[in-house]
Amino acid sequence: MRLVAVFNAAKVIDSQLAKLIATTGDNMNAARKYFAMHAALFAMLVQAQDSAIAKIDTGYLPKLDAIIKDDPGARVACETATTTGLVVVLLLARVLAMSTFTGAKPGT
């Protein structure tokens, strides 16, 4: 959810930078400065997206695989969750349910 907010803010900033570039006319130094800001902004967005993807690949997907291995019927629920964006909610519910039965603290 935070990544979506960051992308939306980046779109607004990028739009403002485009307007500034348009107003610089022939001033190449100003245009270079604004383009550098644009490039840096999107480099940060790519880094944030890569970080989120890595977190999904190394954190959430292995846990989902373990759930499917433990309960093969959970595959349909996992597929539905991934297509509807409920992965984190269902994963947290599963972890909390498991901790209730085992007495373990979530995350251990």
PDB file of N, CA and C in Angstrom:
ATOM      1  N   MET A   1       0.819  -1.180   0.000  1.00  0.00           N
ATOM      2  CA  MET A   1       0.000   0.000   0.000  1.00  0.00           C
ATOM      3  C   MET A   1       0.866   1.248   0.000  1.00  0.00           C
ATOM      4  N   ARG A   2       1.949   1.253   0.777  1.00  0.00           N
ATOM      5  CA  ARG A   2       2.823   2.420   0.812  1.00  0.00           C
ATOM      6  C   ARG A   2       3.478   2.643  -0.538  1.00  0.00           C
ATOM      7  N   LEU A   3       3.804   1.556  -1.229  1.00  0.00           N
ATOM      8  CA  LEU A   3       4.444   1.683  -2.532  1.00  0.00           C
ATOM      9  C   LEU A   3       3.514   2.371  -3.526  1.00  0.00           C
ATOM     10  N   VAL A   4       2.231   2.089  -3.442  1.00  0.00           N
ATOM     11  CA  VAL A   4       1.255   2.755  -4.311  1.00  0.00           C
ATOM     12  C   VAL A   4       1.236   4.250  -4.019  1.00  0.00           C
ATOM     13  N   ALA A   5       1.278   4.613  -2.748  1.00  0.00           N
ATOM     14  CA  ALA A   5       1.294   6.030  -2.373  1.00  0.00           C
ATOM     15  C   ALA A   5       2.561   6.711  -2.891  1.00  0.00           C
ATOM     16  N   VAL A   6       3.676   6.010  -2.812  1.00  0.00           N
ATOM     17  CA  VAL A   6       4.935   6.571  -3.316  1.00  0.00           C
ATOM     18  C   VAL A   6       4.859   6.779  -4.824  1.00  0.00           C
ATOM     19  N   PHE A   7       4.325   5.805  -5.548  1.00  0.00           N
ATOM     20  CA  PHE A   7       4.192   5.947  -7.005  1.00  0.00           C
ATOM     21  C   PHE A   7       3.260   7.104  -7.352  1.00  0.00           C
ATOM     22  N   ASN A   8       2.172   7.264  -6.619  1.00  0.00           N
ATOM     23  CA  ASN A   8       1.255   8.372  -6.882  1.00  0.00           C
ATOM     24  C   ASN A   8       1.927   9.713  -6.622  1.00  0.00           C
ATOM     25  N   ALA A   9       2.687   9.804  -5.548  1.00  0.00           N
ATOM     26  CA  ALA A   9       3.415  11.042  -5.258  1.00  0.00           C
ATOM     27  C   ALA A   9       4.456  11.308  -6.343  1.00  0.00           C
ATOM     28  N   ALA A  10       5.104  10.257  -6.810  1.00  0.00           N
ATOM     29  CA  ALA A  10       6.112  10.412  -7.867  1.00  0.00           C
ATOM     30  C   ALA A  10       5.474  10.926  -9.153  1.00  0.00           C
ATOM     31  N   LYS A  11       4.270  10.470  -9.454  1.00  0.00           N
ATOM     32  CA  LYS A  11       3.586  10.971 -10.657  1.00  0.00           C
ATOM     33  C   LYS A  11       3.329  12.467 -10.552  1.00  0.00           C
ATOM     34  N   VAL A  12       2.924  12.924  -9.379  1.00  0.00           N
ATOM     35  CA  VAL A  12       2.666  14.348  -9.173  1.00  0.00           C
ATOM     36  C   VAL A  12       3.965  15.142  -9.316  1.00  0.00           C
ATOM     37  N   ILE A  13       5.009  14.666  -8.666  1.00  0.00           N
ATOM     38  CA  ILE A  13       6.307  15.342  -8.743  1.00  0.00           C
ATOM     39  C   ILE A  13       6.820  15.355 -10.179  1.00  0.00           C
ATOM     40  N   ASP A  14       6.700  14.226 -10.864  1.00  0.00           N
ATOM     41  CA  ASP A  14       7.167  14.140 -12.244  1.00  0.00           C
ATOM     42  C   ASP A  14       6.390  15.098 -13.147  1.00  0.00           C
ATOM     43  N   SER A  15       5.107  15.244 -12.895  1.00  0.00           N
ATOM     44  CA  SER A  15       4.293  16.183 -13.665  1.00  0.00           C
ATOM     45  C   SER A  15       4.779  17.610 -13.441  1.00  0.00           C
ATOM     46  N   GLN A  16       5.096  17.936 -12.194  1.00  0.00           N
ATOM     47  CA  GLN A  16       5.616  19.271 -11.878  1.00  0.00           C
ATOM     48  C   GLN A  16       6.974  19.498 -12.537  1.00  0.00           C
ATOM     49  N   LEU A  17       7.827  18.463 -12.532  1.00  0.00           N
ATOM     50  CA  LEU A  17       9.128  18.584 -13.193  1.00  0.00           C
ATOM     51  C   LEU A  17       8.956  18.797 -14.693  1.00  0.00           C
ATOM     52  N   ALA A  18       7.996  18.116 -15.308  1.00  0.00           N
ATOM     53  CA  ALA A  18       7.742  18.289 -16.749  1.00  0.00           C
ATOM     54  C   ALA A  18       7.335  19.725 -17.044  1.00  0.00           C
ATOM     55  N   LYS A  19       6.503  20.298 -16.184  1.00  0.00           N
ATOM     56  CA  LYS A  19       6.102  21.703 -16.373  1.00  0.00           C
ATOM     57  C   LYS A  19       7.298  22.634 -16.242  1.00  0.00           C
ATOM     58  N   LEU A  20       8.157  22.359 -15.262  1.00  0.00           N
ATOM     59  CA  LEU A  20       9.350  23.190 -15.077  1.00  0.00           C
ATOM     60  C   LEU A  20      10.288  23.097 -16.282  1.00  0.00           C
ATOM     61  N   ILE A  21      10.453  21.888 -16.812  1.00  0.00           N
ATOM     62  CA  ILE A  21      11.300  21.712 -17.996  1.00  0.00           C
ATOM     63  C   ILE A  21      10.724  22.495 -19.166  1.00  0.00           C
ATOM     64  N   ALA A  22       9.414  22.473 -19.304  1.00  0.00           N
ATOM     65  CA  ALA A  22       8.775  23.192 -20.409  1.00  0.00           C
ATOM     66  C   ALA A  22       8.980  24.699 -20.290  1.00  0.00           C
ATOM     67  N   THR A  23       9.073  25.198 -19.062  1.00  0.00           N
ATOM     68  CA  THR A  23       9.235  26.645 -18.881  1.00  0.00           C
ATOM     69  C   THR A  23      10.677  27.111 -18.985  1.00  0.00           C
ATOM     70  N   THR A  24      11.638  26.183 -19.020  1.00  0.00           N
ATOM     71  CA  THR A  24      13.049  26.590 -19.066  1.00  0.00           C
ATOM     72  C   THR A  24      13.464  27.086 -20.442  1.00  0.00           C
ATOM     73  N   GLY A  25      12.678  26.767 -21.469  1.00  0.00           N
ATOM     74  CA  GLY A  25      13.021  27.228 -22.817  1.00  0.00           C
ATOM     75  C   GLY A  25      14.355  26.666 -23.259  1.00  0.00           C
ATOM     76  N   ASP A  26      15.290  27.563 -23.556  1.00  0.00           N
ATOM     77  CA  ASP A  26      16.606  27.137 -24.047  1.00  0.00           C
ATOM     78  C   ASP A  26      17.638  26.991 -22.938  1.00  0.00           C
ATOM     79  N   ASN A  27      17.227  27.104 -21.698  1.00  0.00           N
ATOM     80  CA  ASN A  27      18.160  27.009 -20.579  1.00  0.00           C
ATOM     81  C   ASN A  27      18.499  25.538 -20.330  1.00  0.00           C
ATOM     82  N   MET A  28      19.571  25.074 -20.950  1.00  0.00           N
ATOM     83  CA  MET A  28      19.953  23.655 -20.855  1.00  0.00           C
ATOM     84  C   MET A  28      20.379  23.258 -19.450  1.00  0.00           C
ATOM     85  N   ASN A  29      21.006  24.165 -18.708  1.00  0.00           N
ATOM     86  CA  ASN A  29      21.426  23.831 -17.337  1.00  0.00           C
ATOM     87  C   ASN A  29      20.215  23.523 -16.463  1.00  0.00           C
ATOM     88  N   ALA A  30      19.177  24.343 -16.561  1.00  0.00           N
ATOM     89  CA  ALA A  30      17.967  24.095 -15.780  1.00  0.00           C
ATOM     90  C   ALA A  30      17.294  22.804 -16.236  1.00  0.00           C
ATOM     91  N   ALA A  31      17.238  22.587 -17.541  1.00  0.00           N
ATOM     92  CA  ALA A  31      16.629  21.363 -18.063  1.00  0.00           C
ATOM     93  C   ALA A  31      17.388  20.138 -17.580  1.00  0.00           C
ATOM     94  N   ARG A  32      18.703  20.194 -17.565  1.00  0.00           N
ATOM     95  CA  ARG A  32      19.523  19.068 -17.078  1.00  0.00           C
ATOM     96  C   ARG A  32      19.239  18.801 -15.593  1.00  0.00           C
ATOM     97  N   LYS A  33      19.142  19.888 -14.824  1.00  0.00           N
ATOM     98  CA  LYS A  33      18.882  19.746 -13.384  1.00  0.00           C
ATOM     99  C   LYS A  33      17.537  19.056 -13.150  1.00  0.00           C
ATOM    100  N   TYR A  34      16.508  19.504 -13.847  1.00  0.00           N
ATOM    101  CA  TYR A  34      15.185  18.910 -13.667  1.00  0.00           C
ATOM    102  C   TYR A  34      15.145  17.469 -14.170  1.00  0.00           C
ATOM    103  N   PHE A  35      15.832  17.213 -15.278  1.00  0.00           N
ATOM    104  CA  PHE A  35      15.876  15.837 -15.774  1.00  0.00           C
ATOM    105  C   PHE A  35      16.623  14.943 -14.785  1.00  0.00           C
ATOM    106  N   ALA A  36      17.688  15.458 -14.175  1.00  0.00           N
ATOM    107  CA  ALA A  36      18.427  14.674 -13.178  1.00  0.00           C
ATOM    108  C   ALA A  36      17.520  14.339 -11.991  1.00  0.00           C
ATOM    109  N   MET A  37      16.679  15.300 -11.587  1.00  0.00           N
ATOM    110  CA  MET A  37      15.722  15.029 -10.500  1.00  0.00           C
ATOM    111  C   MET A  37      14.737  13.941 -10.916  1.00  0.00           C
ATOM    112  N   HIS A  38      14.260  14.025 -12.149  1.00  0.00           N
ATOM    113  CA  HIS A  38      13.336  13.018 -12.686  1.00  0.00           C
ATOM    114  C   HIS A  38      14.000  11.637 -12.666  1.00  0.00           C
ATOM    115  N   ALA A  39      15.229  11.565 -13.162  1.00  0.00           N
ATOM    116  CA  ALA A  39      15.935  10.279 -13.224  1.00  0.00           C
ATOM    117  C   ALA A  39      16.181   9.719 -11.824  1.00  0.00           C
ATOM    118  N   ALA A  40      16.562  10.584 -10.890  1.00  0.00           N
ATOM    119  CA  ALA A  40      16.806  10.124  -9.521  1.00  0.00           C
ATOM    120  C   ALA A  40      15.515   9.623  -8.870  1.00  0.00           C
ATOM    121  N   LEU A  41      14.426  10.321  -9.111  1.00  0.00           N
ATOM    122  CA  LEU A  41      13.128   9.918  -8.561  1.00  0.00           C
ATOM    123  C   LEU A  41      12.756   8.517  -9.036  1.00  0.00           C
ATOM    124  N   PHE A  42      12.895   8.284 -10.320  1.00  0.00           N
ATOM    125  CA  PHE A  42      12.507   6.977 -10.831  1.00  0.00           C
ATOM    126  C   PHE A  42      13.502   5.884 -10.484  1.00  0.00           C
ATOM    127  N   ALA A  43      14.752   6.230 -10.272  1.00  0.00           N
ATOM    128  CA  ALA A  43      15.714   5.236  -9.778  1.00  0.00           C
ATOM    129  C   ALA A  43      15.318   4.780  -8.374  1.00  0.00           C
ATOM    130  N   MET A  44      14.852   5.736  -7.557  1.00  0.00           N
ATOM    131  CA  MET A  44      14.391   5.383  -6.203  1.00  0.00           C
ATOM    132  C   MET A  44      13.139   4.507  -6.270  1.00  0.00           C
ATOM    133  N   LEU A  45      12.250   4.801  -7.215  1.00  0.00           N
ATOM    134  CA  LEU A  45      11.036   3.987  -7.352  1.00  0.00           C
ATOM    135  C   LEU A  45      11.372   2.560  -7.780  1.00  0.00           C
ATOM    136  N   VAL A  46      12.310   2.438  -8.697  1.00  0.00           N
ATOM    137  CA  VAL A  46      12.728   1.096  -9.134  1.00  0.00           C
ATOM    138  C   VAL A  46      13.326   0.334  -7.954  1.00  0.00           C
ATOM    139  N   GLN A  47      14.153   1.001  -7.157  1.00  0.00           N
ATOM    140  CA  GLN A  47      14.743   0.364  -5.975  1.00  0.00           C
ATOM    141  C   GLN A  47      13.658  -0.088  -4.996  1.00  0.00           C
ATOM    142  N   ALA A  48      12.670   0.771  -4.767  1.00  0.00           N
ATOM    143  CA  ALA A  48      11.579   0.419  -3.847  1.00  0.00           C
ATOM    144  C   ALA A  48      10.780  -0.767  -4.379  1.00  0.00           C
ATOM    145  N   GLN A  49      10.522  -0.772  -5.682  1.00  0.00           N
ATOM    146  CA  GLN A  49       9.775  -1.884  -6.271  1.00  0.00           C
ATOM    147  C   GLN A  49      10.578  -3.176  -6.201  1.00  0.00           C
ATOM    148  N   ASP A  50      11.870  -3.102  -6.496  1.00  0.00           N
ATOM    149  CA  ASP A  50      12.717  -4.294  -6.398  1.00  0.00           C
ATOM    150  C   ASP A  50      12.735  -4.837  -4.975  1.00  0.00           C
ATOM    151  N   SER A  51      12.765  -3.940  -4.003  1.00  0.00           N
ATOM    152  CA  SER A  51      12.761  -4.351  -2.599  1.00  0.00           C
ATOM    153  C   SER A  51      11.447  -5.049  -2.243  1.00  0.00           C
ATOM    154  N   ALA A  52      10.337  -4.501  -2.725  1.00  0.00           N
ATOM    155  CA  ALA A  52       9.033  -5.120  -2.449  1.00  0.00           C
ATOM    156  C   ALA A  52       8.927  -6.490  -3.106  1.00  0.00           C
ATOM    157  N   ILE A  53       9.420  -6.608  -4.322  1.00  0.00           N
ATOM    158  CA  ILE A  53       9.387  -7.900  -5.027  1.00  0.00           C
ATOM    159  C   ILE A  53      10.249  -8.924  -4.300  1.00  0.00           C
ATOM    160  N   ALA A  54      11.427  -8.503  -3.854  1.00  0.00           N
ATOM    161  CA  ALA A  54      12.306  -9.420  -3.121  1.00  0.00           C
ATOM    162  C   ALA A  54      11.642  -9.887  -1.825  1.00  0.00           C
ATOM    163  N   LYS A  55      10.940  -8.972  -1.158  1.00  0.00           N
ATOM    164  CA  LYS A  55      10.245  -9.329   0.082  1.00  0.00           C
ATOM    165  C   LYS A  55       9.158 -10.368  -0.189  1.00  0.00           C
ATOM    166  N   ILE A  56       8.460 -10.203  -1.288  1.00  0.00           N
ATOM    167  CA  ILE A  56       7.419 -11.171  -1.662  1.00  0.00           C
ATOM    168  C   ILE A  56       8.054 -12.512  -1.998  1.00  0.00           C
ATOM    169  N   ASP A  57       9.114 -12.466  -2.821  1.00  0.00           N
ATOM    170  CA  ASP A  57       9.765 -13.703  -3.262  1.00  0.00           C
ATOM    171  C   ASP A  57      10.392 -14.487  -2.123  1.00  0.00           C
ATOM    172  N   THR A  58      11.001 -13.778  -1.173  1.00  0.00           N
ATOM    173  CA  THR A  58      11.729 -14.477  -0.112  1.00  0.00           C
ATOM    174  C   THR A  58      10.947 -14.606   1.191  1.00  0.00           C
ATOM    175  N   GLY A  59       9.905 -13.813   1.348  1.00  0.00           N
ATOM    176  CA  GLY A  59       9.147 -13.862   2.597  1.00  0.00           C
ATOM    177  C   GLY A  59       7.785 -14.498   2.461  1.00  0.00           C
ATOM    178  N   TYR A  60       6.967 -13.914   1.606  1.00  0.00           N
ATOM    179  CA  TYR A  60       5.579 -14.359   1.514  1.00  0.00           C
ATOM    180  C   TYR A  60       5.404 -15.653   0.716  1.00  0.00           C
ATOM    181  N   LEU A  61       6.033 -15.745  -0.452  1.00  0.00           N
ATOM    182  CA  LEU A  61       5.818 -16.938  -1.285  1.00  0.00           C
ATOM    183  C   LEU A  61       6.272 -18.232  -0.614  1.00  0.00           C
ATOM    184  N   PRO A  62       7.434 -18.263   0.069  1.00  0.00           N
ATOM    185  CA  PRO A  62       7.790 -19.504   0.773  1.00  0.00           C
ATOM    186  C   PRO A  62       6.762 -19.894   1.846  1.00  0.00           C
ATOM    187  N   LYS A  63       6.185 -18.902   2.514  1.00  0.00           N
ATOM    188  CA  LYS A  63       5.168 -19.207   3.527  1.00  0.00           C
ATOM    189  C   LYS A  63       3.902 -19.754   2.872  1.00  0.00           C
ATOM    190  N   LEU A  64       3.544 -19.182   1.727  1.00  0.00           N
ATOM    191  CA  LEU A  64       2.378 -19.702   1.006  1.00  0.00           C
ATOM    192  C   LEU A  64       2.629 -21.125   0.519  1.00  0.00           C
ATOM    193  N   ASP A  65       3.847 -21.377   0.033  1.00  0.00           N
ATOM    194  CA  ASP A  65       4.195 -22.741  -0.396  1.00  0.00           C
ATOM    195  C   ASP A  65       4.085 -23.719   0.770  1.00  0.00           C
ATOM    196  N   ALA A  66       4.511 -23.289   1.954  1.00  0.00           N
ATOM    197  CA  ALA A  66       4.421 -24.161   3.133  1.00  0.00           C
ATOM    198  C   ALA A  66       2.967 -24.438   3.487  1.00  0.00           C
ATOM    199  N   ILE A  67       2.110 -23.429   3.351  1.00  0.00           N
ATOM    200  CA  ILE A  67       0.683 -23.623   3.633  1.00  0.00           C
ATOM    201  C   ILE A  67       0.089 -24.623   2.647  1.00  0.00           C
ATOM    202  N   ILE A  68       0.434 -24.479   1.377  1.00  0.00           N
ATOM    203  CA  ILE A  68      -0.088 -25.390   0.351  1.00  0.00           C
ATOM    204  C   ILE A  68       0.410 -26.808   0.602  1.00  0.00           C
ATOM    205  N   LYS A  69       1.670 -26.940   0.998  1.00  0.00           N
ATOM    206  CA  LYS A  69       2.222 -28.266   1.286  1.00  0.00           C
ATOM    207  C   LYS A  69       1.502 -28.887   2.478  1.00  0.00           C
ATOM    208  N   ASP A  70       1.219 -28.065   3.498  1.00  0.00           N
ATOM    209  CA  ASP A  70       0.548 -28.532   4.707  1.00  0.00           C
ATOM    210  C   ASP A  70      -0.920 -28.857   4.434  1.00  0.00           C
ATOM    211  N   ASP A  71      -1.555 -28.063   3.574  1.00  0.00           N
ATOM    212  CA  ASP A  71      -2.979 -28.223   3.278  1.00  0.00           C
ATOM    213  C   ASP A  71      -3.193 -28.009   1.782  1.00  0.00           C
ATOM    214  N   PRO A  72      -3.145 -29.096   0.978  1.00  0.00           N
ATOM    215  CA  PRO A  72      -3.272 -28.957  -0.467  1.00  0.00           C
ATOM    216  C   PRO A  72      -4.558 -28.238  -0.909  1.00  0.00           C
ATOM    217  N   GLY A  73      -5.596 -28.301  -0.123  1.00  0.00           N
ATOM    218  CA  GLY A  73      -6.837 -27.608  -0.461  1.00  0.00           C
ATOM    219  C   GLY A  73      -6.708 -26.093  -0.363  1.00  0.00           C
ATOM    220  N   ALA A  74      -5.653 -25.642   0.286  1.00  0.00           N
ATOM    221  CA  ALA A  74      -5.451 -24.202   0.447  1.00  0.00           C
ATOM    222  C   ALA A  74      -4.971 -23.544  -0.843  1.00  0.00           C
ATOM    223  N   ARG A  75      -4.611 -24.337  -1.849  1.00  0.00           N
ATOM    224  CA  ARG A  75      -4.096 -23.778  -3.104  1.00  0.00           C
ATOM    225  C   ARG A  75      -5.103 -22.830  -3.756  1.00  0.00           C
ATOM    226  N   VAL A  76      -6.370 -23.239  -3.806  1.00  0.00           N
ATOM    227  CA  VAL A  76      -7.398 -22.383  -4.412  1.00  0.00           C
ATOM    228  C   VAL A  76      -7.519 -21.088  -3.620  1.00  0.00           C
ATOM    229  N   ALA A  77      -7.488 -21.188  -2.307  1.00  0.00           N
ATOM    230  CA  ALA A  77      -7.576 -19.983  -1.476  1.00  0.00           C
ATOM    231  C   ALA A  77      -6.373 -19.070  -1.718  1.00  0.00           C
ATOM    232  N   CYS A  78      -5.190 -19.664  -1.847  1.00  0.00           N
ATOM    233  CA  CYS A  78      -3.982 -18.863  -2.100  1.00  0.00           C
ATOM    234  C   CYS A  78      -4.041 -18.200  -3.470  1.00  0.00           C
ATOM    235  N   GLU A  79      -4.502 -18.947  -4.483  1.00  0.00           N
ATOM    236  CA  GLU A  79      -4.611 -18.365  -5.819  1.00  0.00           C
ATOM    237  C   GLU A  79      -5.631 -17.230  -5.828  1.00  0.00           C
ATOM    238  N   THR A  80      -6.728 -17.416  -5.138  1.00  0.00           N
ATOM    239  CA  THR A  80      -7.738 -16.355  -5.048  1.00  0.00           C
ATOM    240  C   THR A  80      -7.167 -15.147  -4.325  1.00  0.00           C
ATOM    241  N   ALA A  81      -6.437 -15.402  -3.258  1.00  0.00           N
ATOM    242  CA  ALA A  81      -5.863 -14.298  -2.489  1.00  0.00           C
ATOM    243  C   ALA A  81      -4.849 -13.514  -3.311  1.00  0.00           C
ATOM    244  N   THR A  82      -4.025 -14.210  -4.071  1.00  0.00           N
ATOM    245  CA  THR A  82      -3.010 -13.496  -4.851  1.00  0.00           C
ATOM    246  C   THR A  82      -3.632 -12.697  -5.976  1.00  0.00           C
ATOM    247  N   THR A  83      -4.748 -13.132  -6.504  1.00  0.00           N
ATOM    248  CA  THR A  83      -5.372 -12.375  -7.586  1.00  0.00           C
ATOM    249  C   THR A  83      -6.241 -11.244  -7.062  1.00  0.00           C
ATOM    250  N   THR A  84      -6.603 -11.295  -5.795  1.00  0.00           N
ATOM    251  CA  THR A  84      -7.446 -10.239  -5.234  1.00  0.00           C
ATOM    252  C   THR A  84      -6.694  -9.328  -4.269  1.00  0.00           C
ATOM    253  N   GLY A  85      -5.422  -9.622  -4.008  1.00  0.00           N
ATOM    254  CA  GLY A  85      -4.632  -8.774  -3.128  1.00  0.00           C
ATOM    255  C   GLY A  85      -4.797  -9.069  -1.650  1.00  0.00           C
ATOM    256  N   LEU A  86      -5.341 -10.215  -1.313  1.00  0.00           N
ATOM    257  CA  LEU A  86      -5.566 -10.548   0.093  1.00  0.00           C
ATOM    258  C   LEU A  86      -4.476 -11.430   0.688  1.00  0.00           C
ATOM    259  N   VAL A  87      -3.345 -11.535   0.009  1.00  0.00           N
ATOM    260  CA  VAL A  87      -2.293 -12.438   0.451  1.00  0.00           C
ATOM    261  C   VAL A  87      -1.844 -12.120   1.872  1.00  0.00           C
ATOM    262  N   VAL A  88      -1.527 -10.884   2.134  1.00  0.00           N
ATOM    263  CA  VAL A  88      -1.004 -10.518   3.444  1.00  0.00           C
ATOM    264  C   VAL A  88      -2.039 -10.760   4.532  1.00  0.00           C
ATOM    265  N   VAL A  89      -3.286 -10.432   4.267  1.00  0.00           N
ATOM    266  CA  VAL A  89      -4.346 -10.630   5.252  1.00  0.00           C
ATOM    267  C   VAL A  89      -4.495 -12.105   5.589  1.00  0.00           C
ATOM    268  N   LEU A  90      -4.551 -12.948   4.570  1.00  0.00           N
ATOM    269  CA  LEU A  90      -4.711 -14.377   4.821  1.00  0.00           C
ATOM    270  C   LEU A  90      -3.485 -14.975   5.481  1.00  0.00           C
ATOM    271  N   LEU A  91      -2.298 -14.512   5.081  1.00  0.00           N
ATOM    272  CA  LEU A  91      -1.072 -15.027   5.676  1.00  0.00           C
ATOM    273  C   LEU A  91      -1.008 -14.663   7.155  1.00  0.00           C
ATOM    274  N   LEU A  92      -1.351 -13.436   7.489  1.00  0.00           N
ATOM    275  CA  LEU A  92      -1.358 -13.027   8.895  1.00  0.00           C
ATOM    276  C   LEU A  92      -2.399 -13.814   9.688  1.00  0.00           C
ATOM    277  N   ALA A  93      -3.557 -14.038   9.088  1.00  0.00           N
ATOM    278  CA  ALA A  93      -4.592 -14.821   9.765  1.00  0.00           C
ATOM    279  C   ALA A  93      -4.097 -16.235  10.032  1.00  0.00           C
ATOM    280  N   ARG A  94      -3.396 -16.803   9.064  1.00  0.00           N
ATOM    281  CA  ARG A  94      -2.865 -18.165   9.213  1.00  0.00           C
ATOM    282  C   ARG A  94      -1.809 -18.211  10.323  1.00  0.00           C
ATOM    283  N   VAL A  95      -0.907 -17.224  10.330  1.00  0.00           N
ATOM    284  CA  VAL A  95       0.139 -17.185  11.353  1.00  0.00           C
ATOM    285  C   VAL A  95      -0.473 -17.023  12.734  1.00  0.00           C
ATOM    286  N   LEU A  96      -1.455 -16.134  12.858  1.00  0.00           N
ATOM    287  CA  LEU A  96      -2.110 -15.939  14.152  1.00  0.00           C
ATOM    288  C   LEU A  96      -2.865 -17.186  14.588  1.00  0.00           C
ATOM    289  N   ALA A  97      -3.511 -17.852  13.638  1.00  0.00           N
ATOM    290  CA  ALA A  97      -4.234 -19.079  13.974  1.00  0.00           C
ATOM    291  C   ALA A  97      -3.267 -20.162  14.445  1.00  0.00           C
ATOM    292  N   MET A  98      -2.133 -20.283  13.755  1.00  0.00           N
ATOM    293  CA  MET A  98      -1.147 -21.291  14.138  1.00  0.00           C
ATOM    294  C   MET A  98      -0.582 -20.989  15.521  1.00  0.00           C
ATOM    295  N   SER A  99      -0.348 -19.703  15.815  1.00  0.00           N
ATOM    296  CA  SER A  99       0.215 -19.360  17.121  1.00  0.00           C
ATOM    297  C   SER A  99      -0.789 -19.612  18.239  1.00  0.00           C
ATOM    298  N   THR A 100      -2.072 -19.491  17.924  1.00  0.00           N
ATOM    299  CA  THR A 100      -3.108 -19.756  18.918  1.00  0.00           C
ATOM    300  C   THR A 100      -3.107 -21.230  19.311  1.00  0.00           C
ATOM    301  N   PHE A 101      -2.943 -22.114  18.314  1.00  0.00           N
ATOM    302  CA  PHE A 101      -2.976 -23.543  18.578  1.00  0.00           C
ATOM    303  C   PHE A 101      -1.679 -24.051  19.186  1.00  0.00           C
ATOM    304  N   THR A 102      -0.551 -23.468  18.801  1.00  0.00           N
ATOM    305  CA  THR A 102       0.739 -23.972  19.276  1.00  0.00           C
ATOM    306  C   THR A 102       1.267 -23.208  20.475  1.00  0.00           C
ATOM    307  N   GLY A 103       0.697 -22.032  20.719  1.00  0.00           N
ATOM    308  CA  GLY A 103       1.199 -21.191  21.808  1.00  0.00           C
ATOM    309  C   GLY A 103       2.441 -20.418  21.413  1.00  0.00           C
ATOM    310  N   ALA A 104       2.886 -20.572  20.162  1.00  0.00           N
ATOM    311  CA  ALA A 104       4.078 -19.844  19.694  1.00  0.00           C
ATOM    312  C   ALA A 104       3.713 -18.417  19.389  1.00  0.00           C
ATOM    313  N   LYS A 105       4.697 -17.548  19.483  1.00  0.00           N
ATOM    314  CA  LYS A 105       4.493 -16.145  19.120  1.00  0.00           C
ATOM    315  C   LYS A 105       4.635 -16.019  17.607  1.00  0.00           C
ATOM    316  N   PRO A 106       3.811 -15.175  16.964  1.00  0.00           N
ATOM    317  CA  PRO A 106       3.956 -14.964  15.535  1.00  0.00           C
ATOM    318  C   PRO A 106       5.358 -14.502  15.188  1.00  0.00           C
ATOM    319  N   GLY A 107       5.883 -15.042  14.113  1.00  0.00           N
ATOM    320  CA  GLY A 107       7.223 -14.664  13.662  1.00  0.00           C
ATOM    321  C   GLY A 107       8.319 -15.541  14.234  1.00  0.00           C
ATOM    322  N   THR A 108       7.979 -16.514  15.090  1.00  0.00           N
ATOM    323  CA  THR A 108       9.009 -17.385  15.649  1.00  0.00           C
ATOM    324  C   THR A 108       8.923 -18.751  15.042  1.00  0.00           C
TER     325      THR A 108
END
